[in-house]
Amino acid sequence: MSKLYLVPTPIGNLEDITLRALNVLKSVDLILAEDTRTSGFLLKHFEISKPMISHHKFNEHKTSENIVMRLKAGESIALISDAGTPGISDPGFFLVKHCVEEGLDVECLPGATAFVPALVNSGLPSDRFIFEGFLPQKKGRQTKLNELAEEQRTMIFYESPHRLVKTLQQFAQVFGEERKASVSRELTKLHEENARGSLSELIAHFNSKTVKGEIVIVIEGKTVVKKKKEYIKKDRQ
């Protein structure tokens, strides 16, 4: 049946792929991959041989029209990213939006997403949170940080390893050096690390080492101290 499947792929440990994801990848007519070389290793590992074309942020506006036409013609297509769930800081939104507008079936499978384990094992409140993904690198970066200065929910960010310390320093300037935070890297991999502490402690920790791997930063929201109501007793006349 014609349908676009969004299929999460492991963020590190290949054992995290689901049986359903494997069955879908084996059954579709075409696989859209963010990087065909990276996805090629994954598919080869699981002995999946299917036609594959590139679909990434630099060509998605051009390729989406052809993909929609193929879906209308009756093909089933799976979209995968290099790691994690398509559409979460990865290509996917534009194609899904196009398919929905055309009345085509879209189904997203549950599976690996880096920010969920990072949030849960951070030790910070996970009942209310916001996911900001990657901050703007230059234009609008400081504006976005200033907007988040009063945010009371737990905040989640993605960052590259070479920008980690600089970003933590910017967070410390905006949120305060003592704000609690957690940095997770290499999630699900052999050298997984979850560092927790104040922003100043995390800056010192990562400033003294070479940082590798994908990064998830989780930051405590602003604590608002509620003032107790004062009741004034009036003297009885």
C-alpha atoms as a PDB file:
ATOM      1  CA  MET A   1       0.000   0.000   0.000  1.00  0.00           C
ATOM      2  CA  SER A   2       1.225   3.485  -0.846  1.00  0.00           C
ATOM      3  CA  LYS A   3       2.564   5.181   2.275  1.00  0.00           C
ATOM      4  CA  LEU A   4       5.453   7.286   3.522  1.00  0.00           C
ATOM      5  CA  TYR A   5       7.118   5.682   6.537  1.00  0.00           C
ATOM      6  CA  LEU A   6       9.381   7.661   8.851  1.00  0.00           C
ATOM      7  CA  VAL A   7      11.725   5.064  10.300  1.00  0.00           C
ATOM      8  CA  PRO A   8      13.990   5.851  13.287  1.00  0.00           C
ATOM      9  CA  THR A   9      17.460   4.359  13.119  1.00  0.00           C
ATOM     10  CA  PRO A  10      19.917   3.687  15.980  1.00  0.00           C
ATOM     11  CA  ILE A  11      21.828   6.688  17.349  1.00  0.00           C
ATOM     12  CA  GLY A  12      24.768   4.434  18.146  1.00  0.00           C
ATOM     13  CA  ASN A  13      24.040   0.891  19.224  1.00  0.00           C
ATOM     14  CA  LEU A  14      22.690  -1.093  16.265  1.00  0.00           C
ATOM     15  CA  GLU A  15      20.735  -3.344  18.639  1.00  0.00           C
ATOM     16  CA  ASP A  16      18.352  -0.446  19.264  1.00  0.00           C
ATOM     17  CA  ILE A  17      16.632  -0.832  15.901  1.00  0.00           C
ATOM     18  CA  THR A  18      13.156  -2.352  16.210  1.00  0.00           C
ATOM     19  CA  LEU A  19      11.853  -5.456  14.489  1.00  0.00           C
ATOM     20  CA  ARG A  20       9.099  -3.337  12.984  1.00  0.00           C
ATOM     21  CA  ALA A  21      11.632  -0.891  11.540  1.00  0.00           C
ATOM     22  CA  LEU A  22      13.513  -3.767   9.901  1.00  0.00           C
ATOM     23  CA  ASN A  23      10.299  -5.218   8.457  1.00  0.00           C
ATOM     24  CA  VAL A  24       9.292  -1.849   6.996  1.00  0.00           C
ATOM     25  CA  LEU A  25      12.727  -1.266   5.444  1.00  0.00           C
ATOM     26  CA  LYS A  26      12.594  -4.724   3.886  1.00  0.00           C
ATOM     27  CA  SER A  27       9.113  -4.209   2.457  1.00  0.00           C
ATOM     28  CA  VAL A  28       9.190  -0.704   0.931  1.00  0.00           C
ATOM     29  CA  ASP A  29       9.925   0.072  -2.717  1.00  0.00           C
ATOM     30  CA  LEU A  30      12.381   2.871  -1.973  1.00  0.00           C
ATOM     31  CA  ILE A  31      14.452   4.201   0.927  1.00  0.00           C
ATOM     32  CA  LEU A  32      15.229   7.911   1.275  1.00  0.00           C
ATOM     33  CA  ALA A  33      18.464   8.448   3.186  1.00  0.00           C
ATOM     34  CA  GLU A  34      20.094  11.582   4.556  1.00  0.00           C
ATOM     35  CA  ASP A  35      23.489  10.127   3.588  1.00  0.00           C
ATOM     36  CA  THR A  36      23.393   7.030   1.410  1.00  0.00           C
ATOM     37  CA  ARG A  37      26.903   6.022   2.480  1.00  0.00           C
ATOM     38  CA  THR A  38      26.064   6.072   6.188  1.00  0.00           C
ATOM     39  CA  SER A  39      22.724   4.341   5.644  1.00  0.00           C
ATOM     40  CA  GLY A  40      24.385   1.868   3.303  1.00  0.00           C
ATOM     41  CA  PHE A  41      26.437   0.465   6.189  1.00  0.00           C
ATOM     42  CA  LEU A  42      23.284   0.091   8.298  1.00  0.00           C
ATOM     43  CA  LEU A  43      21.297  -1.660   5.582  1.00  0.00           C
ATOM     44  CA  LYS A  44      24.209  -3.954   4.736  1.00  0.00           C
ATOM     45  CA  HIS A  45      24.541  -4.928   8.400  1.00  0.00           C
ATOM     46  CA  PHE A  46      20.902  -6.060   8.463  1.00  0.00           C
ATOM     47  CA  GLU A  47      21.111  -7.601   4.973  1.00  0.00           C
ATOM     48  CA  ILE A  48      18.575  -5.208   3.451  1.00  0.00           C
ATOM     49  CA  SER A  49      18.896  -4.528  -0.255  1.00  0.00           C
ATOM     50  CA  LYS A  50      16.577  -1.803  -1.526  1.00  0.00           C
ATOM     51  CA  PRO A  51      16.887   1.114  -3.965  1.00  0.00           C
ATOM     52  CA  MET A  52      18.100   4.189  -2.093  1.00  0.00           C
ATOM     53  CA  ILE A  53      18.326   7.898  -2.971  1.00  0.00           C
ATOM     54  CA  SER A  54      19.606  10.935  -1.078  1.00  0.00           C
ATOM     55  CA  HIS A  55      17.118  13.166   0.699  1.00  0.00           C
ATOM     56  CA  HIS A  56      18.697  15.845   2.884  1.00  0.00           C
ATOM     57  CA  LYS A  57      18.250  19.480   3.910  1.00  0.00           C
ATOM     58  CA  PHE A  58      20.069  20.746   0.818  1.00  0.00           C
ATOM     59  CA  ASN A  59      17.865  18.986  -1.749  1.00  0.00           C
ATOM     60  CA  GLU A  60      14.574  18.177   0.025  1.00  0.00           C
ATOM     61  CA  HIS A  61      12.703  21.031  -1.663  1.00  0.00           C
ATOM     62  CA  LYS A  62      13.687  19.648  -5.073  1.00  0.00           C
ATOM     63  CA  THR A  63      13.193  15.927  -4.375  1.00  0.00           C
ATOM     64  CA  SER A  64       9.885  16.125  -2.479  1.00  0.00           C
ATOM     65  CA  GLU A  65       7.770  16.688  -5.608  1.00  0.00           C
ATOM     66  CA  ASN A  66       9.141  13.539  -7.259  1.00  0.00           C
ATOM     67  CA  ILE A  67       8.645  11.535  -4.063  1.00  0.00           C
ATOM     68  CA  VAL A  68       5.019  12.652  -3.813  1.00  0.00           C
ATOM     69  CA  MET A  69       4.464  11.605  -7.441  1.00  0.00           C
ATOM     70  CA  ARG A  70       5.926   8.159  -6.732  1.00  0.00           C
ATOM     71  CA  LEU A  71       3.676   7.774  -3.686  1.00  0.00           C
ATOM     72  CA  LYS A  72       0.651   8.737  -5.768  1.00  0.00           C
ATOM     73  CA  ALA A  73       1.702   6.092  -8.282  1.00  0.00           C
ATOM     74  CA  GLY A  74       1.371   3.456  -5.566  1.00  0.00           C
ATOM     75  CA  GLU A  75       4.906   3.054  -4.212  1.00  0.00           C
ATOM     76  CA  SER A  76       5.708   2.691  -0.515  1.00  0.00           C
ATOM     77  CA  ILE A  77       8.681   4.746   0.652  1.00  0.00           C
ATOM     78  CA  ALA A  78      10.705   4.899   3.884  1.00  0.00           C
ATOM     79  CA  LEU A  79      12.595   7.964   5.093  1.00  0.00           C
ATOM     80  CA  ILE A  80      15.588   7.488   7.393  1.00  0.00           C
ATOM     81  CA  SER A  81      18.189   9.916   8.722  1.00  0.00           C
ATOM     82  CA  ASP A  82      21.809   9.210   9.645  1.00  0.00           C
ATOM     83  CA  ALA A  83      20.686   8.472  13.211  1.00  0.00           C
ATOM     84  CA  GLY A  84      17.521   8.941  15.239  1.00  0.00           C
ATOM     85  CA  THR A  85      14.023   9.935  14.175  1.00  0.00           C
ATOM     86  CA  PRO A  86      13.539  11.821  10.883  1.00  0.00           C
ATOM     87  CA  GLY A  87      12.176  15.311  11.424  1.00  0.00           C
ATOM     88  CA  ILE A  88      13.888  15.826  14.807  1.00  0.00           C
ATOM     89  CA  SER A  89      16.768  18.178  13.890  1.00  0.00           C
ATOM     90  CA  ASP A  90      16.972  16.150  10.679  1.00  0.00           C
ATOM     91  CA  PRO A  91      15.190  16.281   7.280  1.00  0.00           C
ATOM     92  CA  GLY A  92      11.572  15.143   7.328  1.00  0.00           C
ATOM     93  CA  PHE A  93       9.228  18.014   8.133  1.00  0.00           C
ATOM     94  CA  PHE A  94       9.048  19.466   4.620  1.00  0.00           C
ATOM     95  CA  LEU A  95       8.286  16.101   2.991  1.00  0.00           C
ATOM     96  CA  VAL A  96       5.695  15.153   5.619  1.00  0.00           C
ATOM     97  CA  LYS A  97       3.996  18.531   5.224  1.00  0.00           C
ATOM     98  CA  HIS A  98       3.893  18.054   1.441  1.00  0.00           C
ATOM     99  CA  CYS A  99       2.436  14.549   1.763  1.00  0.00           C
ATOM    100  CA  VAL A 100      -0.220  15.666   4.265  1.00  0.00           C
ATOM    101  CA  GLU A 101      -1.247  18.515   1.968  1.00  0.00           C
ATOM    102  CA  GLU A 102      -1.634  15.988  -0.864  1.00  0.00           C
ATOM    103  CA  GLY A 103      -3.732  13.650   1.273  1.00  0.00           C
ATOM    104  CA  LEU A 104      -1.139  10.865   1.294  1.00  0.00           C
ATOM    105  CA  ASP A 105      -0.694   8.383   4.147  1.00  0.00           C
ATOM    106  CA  VAL A 106       2.194   9.102   6.517  1.00  0.00           C
ATOM    107  CA  GLU A 107       3.252   6.861   9.390  1.00  0.00           C
ATOM    108  CA  CYS A 108       6.044   7.480  11.883  1.00  0.00           C
ATOM    109  CA  LEU A 109       7.433   4.462  13.727  1.00  0.00           C
ATOM    110  CA  PRO A 110       8.539   4.839  17.356  1.00  0.00           C
ATOM    111  CA  GLY A 111      12.226   4.489  17.997  1.00  0.00           C
ATOM    112  CA  ALA A 112      15.540   6.083  18.852  1.00  0.00           C
ATOM    113  CA  THR A 113      15.767   9.818  19.599  1.00  0.00           C
ATOM    114  CA  ALA A 114      18.795  11.224  21.411  1.00  0.00           C
ATOM    115  CA  PHE A 115      17.085  13.842  23.556  1.00  0.00           C
ATOM    116  CA  VAL A 116      14.744  11.416  25.364  1.00  0.00           C
ATOM    117  CA  PRO A 117      17.406   9.318  27.160  1.00  0.00           C
ATOM    118  CA  ALA A 118      19.461  12.475  27.764  1.00  0.00           C
ATOM    119  CA  LEU A 119      16.488  14.133  29.480  1.00  0.00           C
ATOM    120  CA  VAL A 120      15.453  11.101  31.512  1.00  0.00           C
ATOM    121  CA  ASN A 121      18.937  10.333  32.874  1.00  0.00           C
ATOM    122  CA  SER A 122      19.820  13.990  33.521  1.00  0.00           C
ATOM    123  CA  GLY A 123      18.165  13.975  36.938  1.00  0.00           C
ATOM    124  CA  LEU A 124      16.357  17.196  36.027  1.00  0.00           C
ATOM    125  CA  PRO A 125      12.543  17.546  35.931  1.00  0.00           C
ATOM    126  CA  SER A 126      11.131  15.717  32.915  1.00  0.00           C
ATOM    127  CA  ASP A 127       7.421  16.379  33.437  1.00  0.00           C
ATOM    128  CA  ARG A 128       7.571  19.689  31.535  1.00  0.00           C
ATOM    129  CA  PHE A 129      10.310  20.504  29.028  1.00  0.00           C
ATOM    130  CA  ILE A 130      11.066  22.280  25.766  1.00  0.00           C
ATOM    131  CA  PHE A 131      13.216  20.969  22.944  1.00  0.00           C
ATOM    132  CA  GLU A 132      15.208  23.694  21.193  1.00  0.00           C
ATOM    133  CA  GLY A 133      17.503  21.504  19.077  1.00  0.00           C
ATOM    134  CA  PHE A 134      20.465  23.390  17.605  1.00  0.00           C
ATOM    135  CA  LEU A 135      20.641  27.086  18.441  1.00  0.00           C
ATOM    136  CA  PRO A 136      21.328  29.530  15.579  1.00  0.00           C
ATOM    137  CA  GLN A 137      25.096  29.618  15.105  1.00  0.00           C
ATOM    138  CA  LYS A 138      25.325  33.375  14.576  1.00  0.00           C
ATOM    139  CA  LYS A 139      22.347  35.533  13.683  1.00  0.00           C
ATOM    140  CA  GLY A 140      19.604  35.308  16.289  1.00  0.00           C
ATOM    141  CA  ARG A 141      21.594  33.209  18.756  1.00  0.00           C
ATOM    142  CA  GLN A 142      21.796  35.794  21.534  1.00  0.00           C
ATOM    143  CA  THR A 143      18.195  36.820  20.955  1.00  0.00           C
ATOM    144  CA  LYS A 144      17.045  33.227  21.395  1.00  0.00           C
ATOM    145  CA  LEU A 145      19.096  32.830  24.583  1.00  0.00           C
ATOM    146  CA  ASN A 146      17.645  36.040  26.011  1.00  0.00           C
ATOM    147  CA  GLU A 147      14.144  34.752  25.241  1.00  0.00           C
ATOM    148  CA  LEU A 148      14.912  31.596  27.239  1.00  0.00           C
ATOM    149  CA  ALA A 149      16.297  33.471  30.267  1.00  0.00           C
ATOM    150  CA  GLU A 150      12.931  33.303  32.070  1.00  0.00           C
ATOM    151  CA  GLU A 151      12.003  29.792  30.885  1.00  0.00           C
ATOM    152  CA  GLN A 152      10.841  27.659  33.826  1.00  0.00           C
ATOM    153  CA  ARG A 153      10.668  24.328  32.001  1.00  0.00           C
ATOM    154  CA  THR A 154      13.671  22.044  31.532  1.00  0.00           C
ATOM    155  CA  MET A 155      15.464  23.003  28.298  1.00  0.00           C
ATOM    156  CA  ILE A 156      17.068  20.605  25.813  1.00  0.00           C
ATOM    157  CA  PHE A 157      19.649  21.526  23.179  1.00  0.00           C
ATOM    158  CA  TYR A 158      21.778  19.736  20.601  1.00  0.00           C
ATOM    159  CA  GLU A 159      25.363  20.877  20.032  1.00  0.00           C
ATOM    160  CA  SER A 160      28.477  19.847  18.144  1.00  0.00           C
ATOM    161  CA  PRO A 161      31.527  18.773  20.179  1.00  0.00           C
ATOM    162  CA  HIS A 162      33.791  21.613  19.015  1.00  0.00           C
ATOM    163  CA  ARG A 163      31.261  24.236  20.153  1.00  0.00           C
ATOM    164  CA  LEU A 164      30.337  22.620  23.471  1.00  0.00           C
ATOM    165  CA  VAL A 165      32.476  24.661  25.872  1.00  0.00           C
ATOM    166  CA  LYS A 166      31.676  27.967  24.172  1.00  0.00           C
ATOM    167  CA  THR A 167      27.958  27.166  24.299  1.00  0.00           C
ATOM    168  CA  LEU A 168      28.134  26.223  27.990  1.00  0.00           C
ATOM    169  CA  GLN A 169      29.894  29.527  28.664  1.00  0.00           C
ATOM    170  CA  GLN A 170      27.102  31.395  26.876  1.00  0.00           C
ATOM    171  CA  PHE A 171      24.522  29.476  28.906  1.00  0.00           C
ATOM    172  CA  ALA A 172      26.340  30.446  32.111  1.00  0.00           C
ATOM    173  CA  GLN A 173      26.230  34.115  31.127  1.00  0.00           C
ATOM    174  CA  VAL A 174      22.481  33.994  30.494  1.00  0.00           C
ATOM    175  CA  PHE A 175      21.246  31.470  33.070  1.00  0.00           C
ATOM    176  CA  GLY A 176      23.907  31.869  35.767  1.00  0.00           C
ATOM    177  CA  GLU A 177      26.946  29.727  36.530  1.00  0.00           C
ATOM    178  CA  GLU A 178      25.160  27.760  39.265  1.00  0.00           C
ATOM    179  CA  ARG A 179      22.250  26.636  37.079  1.00  0.00           C
ATOM    180  CA  LYS A 180      22.058  22.816  37.103  1.00  0.00           C
ATOM    181  CA  ALA A 181      22.648  21.032  33.814  1.00  0.00           C
ATOM    182  CA  SER A 182      23.613  17.750  32.199  1.00  0.00           C
ATOM    183  CA  VAL A 183      25.708  16.971  29.130  1.00  0.00           C
ATOM    184  CA  SER A 184      25.256  13.620  27.383  1.00  0.00           C
ATOM    185  CA  ARG A 185      27.518  12.439  24.588  1.00  0.00           C
ATOM    186  CA  GLU A 186      28.030   9.215  22.645  1.00  0.00           C
ATOM    187  CA  LEU A 187      24.628   7.989  23.849  1.00  0.00           C
ATOM    188  CA  THR A 188      24.153   4.193  23.537  1.00  0.00           C
ATOM    189  CA  LYS A 189      27.779   3.800  22.438  1.00  0.00           C
ATOM    190  CA  LEU A 190      30.735   2.189  24.206  1.00  0.00           C
ATOM    191  CA  HIS A 191      32.087   5.493  25.571  1.00  0.00           C
ATOM    192  CA  GLU A 192      28.758   7.033  26.600  1.00  0.00           C
ATOM    193  CA  GLU A 193      29.140   9.868  29.100  1.00  0.00           C
ATOM    194  CA  ASN A 194      26.533  11.706  31.163  1.00  0.00           C
ATOM    195  CA  ALA A 195      28.112  14.586  33.064  1.00  0.00           C
ATOM    196  CA  ARG A 196      25.947  16.412  35.609  1.00  0.00           C
ATOM    197  CA  GLY A 197      26.516  19.492  37.735  1.00  0.00           C
ATOM    198  CA  SER A 198      26.364  23.280  37.624  1.00  0.00           C
ATOM    199  CA  LEU A 199      27.202  25.045  34.374  1.00  0.00           C
ATOM    200  CA  SER A 200      30.496  26.230  35.869  1.00  0.00           C
ATOM    201  CA  GLU A 201      31.406  22.661  36.852  1.00  0.00           C
ATOM    202  CA  LEU A 202      30.558  21.354  33.389  1.00  0.00           C
ATOM    203  CA  ILE A 203      32.637  24.075  31.744  1.00  0.00           C
ATOM    204  CA  ALA A 204      35.649  23.088  33.856  1.00  0.00           C
ATOM    205  CA  HIS A 205      35.071  19.394  33.144  1.00  0.00           C
ATOM    206  CA  PHE A 206      34.893  19.685  29.351  1.00  0.00           C
ATOM    207  CA  ASN A 207      37.526  22.409  29.116  1.00  0.00           C
ATOM    208  CA  SER A 208      40.117  19.913  30.304  1.00  0.00           C
ATOM    209  CA  LYS A 209      39.453  17.195  27.734  1.00  0.00           C
ATOM    210  CA  THR A 210      38.981  16.540  24.035  1.00  0.00           C
ATOM    211  CA  VAL A 211      35.281  16.224  23.321  1.00  0.00           C
ATOM    212  CA  LYS A 212      33.957  13.813  20.701  1.00  0.00           C
ATOM    213  CA  GLY A 213      30.532  12.555  19.679  1.00  0.00           C
ATOM    214  CA  GLU A 214      27.063  14.026  19.344  1.00  0.00           C
ATOM    215  CA  ILE A 215      26.051  16.248  22.269  1.00  0.00           C
ATOM    216  CA  VAL A 216      22.769  16.753  24.127  1.00  0.00           C
ATOM    217  CA  ILE A 217      22.633  19.507  26.758  1.00  0.00           C
ATOM    218  CA  VAL A 218      19.829  19.533  29.317  1.00  0.00           C
ATOM    219  CA  ILE A 219      19.407  22.634  31.498  1.00  0.00           C
ATOM    220  CA  GLU A 220      17.245  23.214  34.531  1.00  0.00           C
ATOM    221  CA  GLY A 221      14.517  25.813  34.102  1.00  0.00           C
ATOM    222  CA  LYS A 222      14.449  28.986  36.137  1.00  0.00           C
ATOM    223  CA  THR A 223      13.204  28.495  39.678  1.00  0.00           C
ATOM    224  CA  VAL A 224      10.571  30.991  40.677  1.00  0.00           C
ATOM    225  CA  VAL A 225      10.143  31.525  44.379  1.00  0.00           C
ATOM    226  CA  LYS A 226       6.505  32.151  45.194  1.00  0.00           C
ATOM    227  CA  LYS A 227       5.931  34.811  47.772  1.00  0.00           C
ATOM    228  CA  LYS A 228       3.674  33.917  50.640  1.00  0.00           C
ATOM    229  CA  LYS A 229       0.599  36.032  50.964  1.00  0.00           C
ATOM    230  CA  GLU A 230       0.674  38.308  53.943  1.00  0.00           C
ATOM    231  CA  TYR A 231      -2.494  38.551  55.936  1.00  0.00           C
ATOM    232  CA  ILE A 232      -2.955  41.652  58.059  1.00  0.00           C
ATOM    233  CA  LYS A 233      -5.171  41.240  61.044  1.00  0.00           C
ATOM    234  CA  LYS A 234      -7.253  44.238  61.765  1.00  0.00           C
ATOM    235  CA  ASP A 235      -7.769  45.087  65.357  1.00  0.00           C
ATOM    236  CA  ARG A 236     -11.333  44.764  66.398  1.00  0.00           C
ATOM    237  CA  GLN A 237     -12.894  48.024  67.357  1.00  0.00           C
END
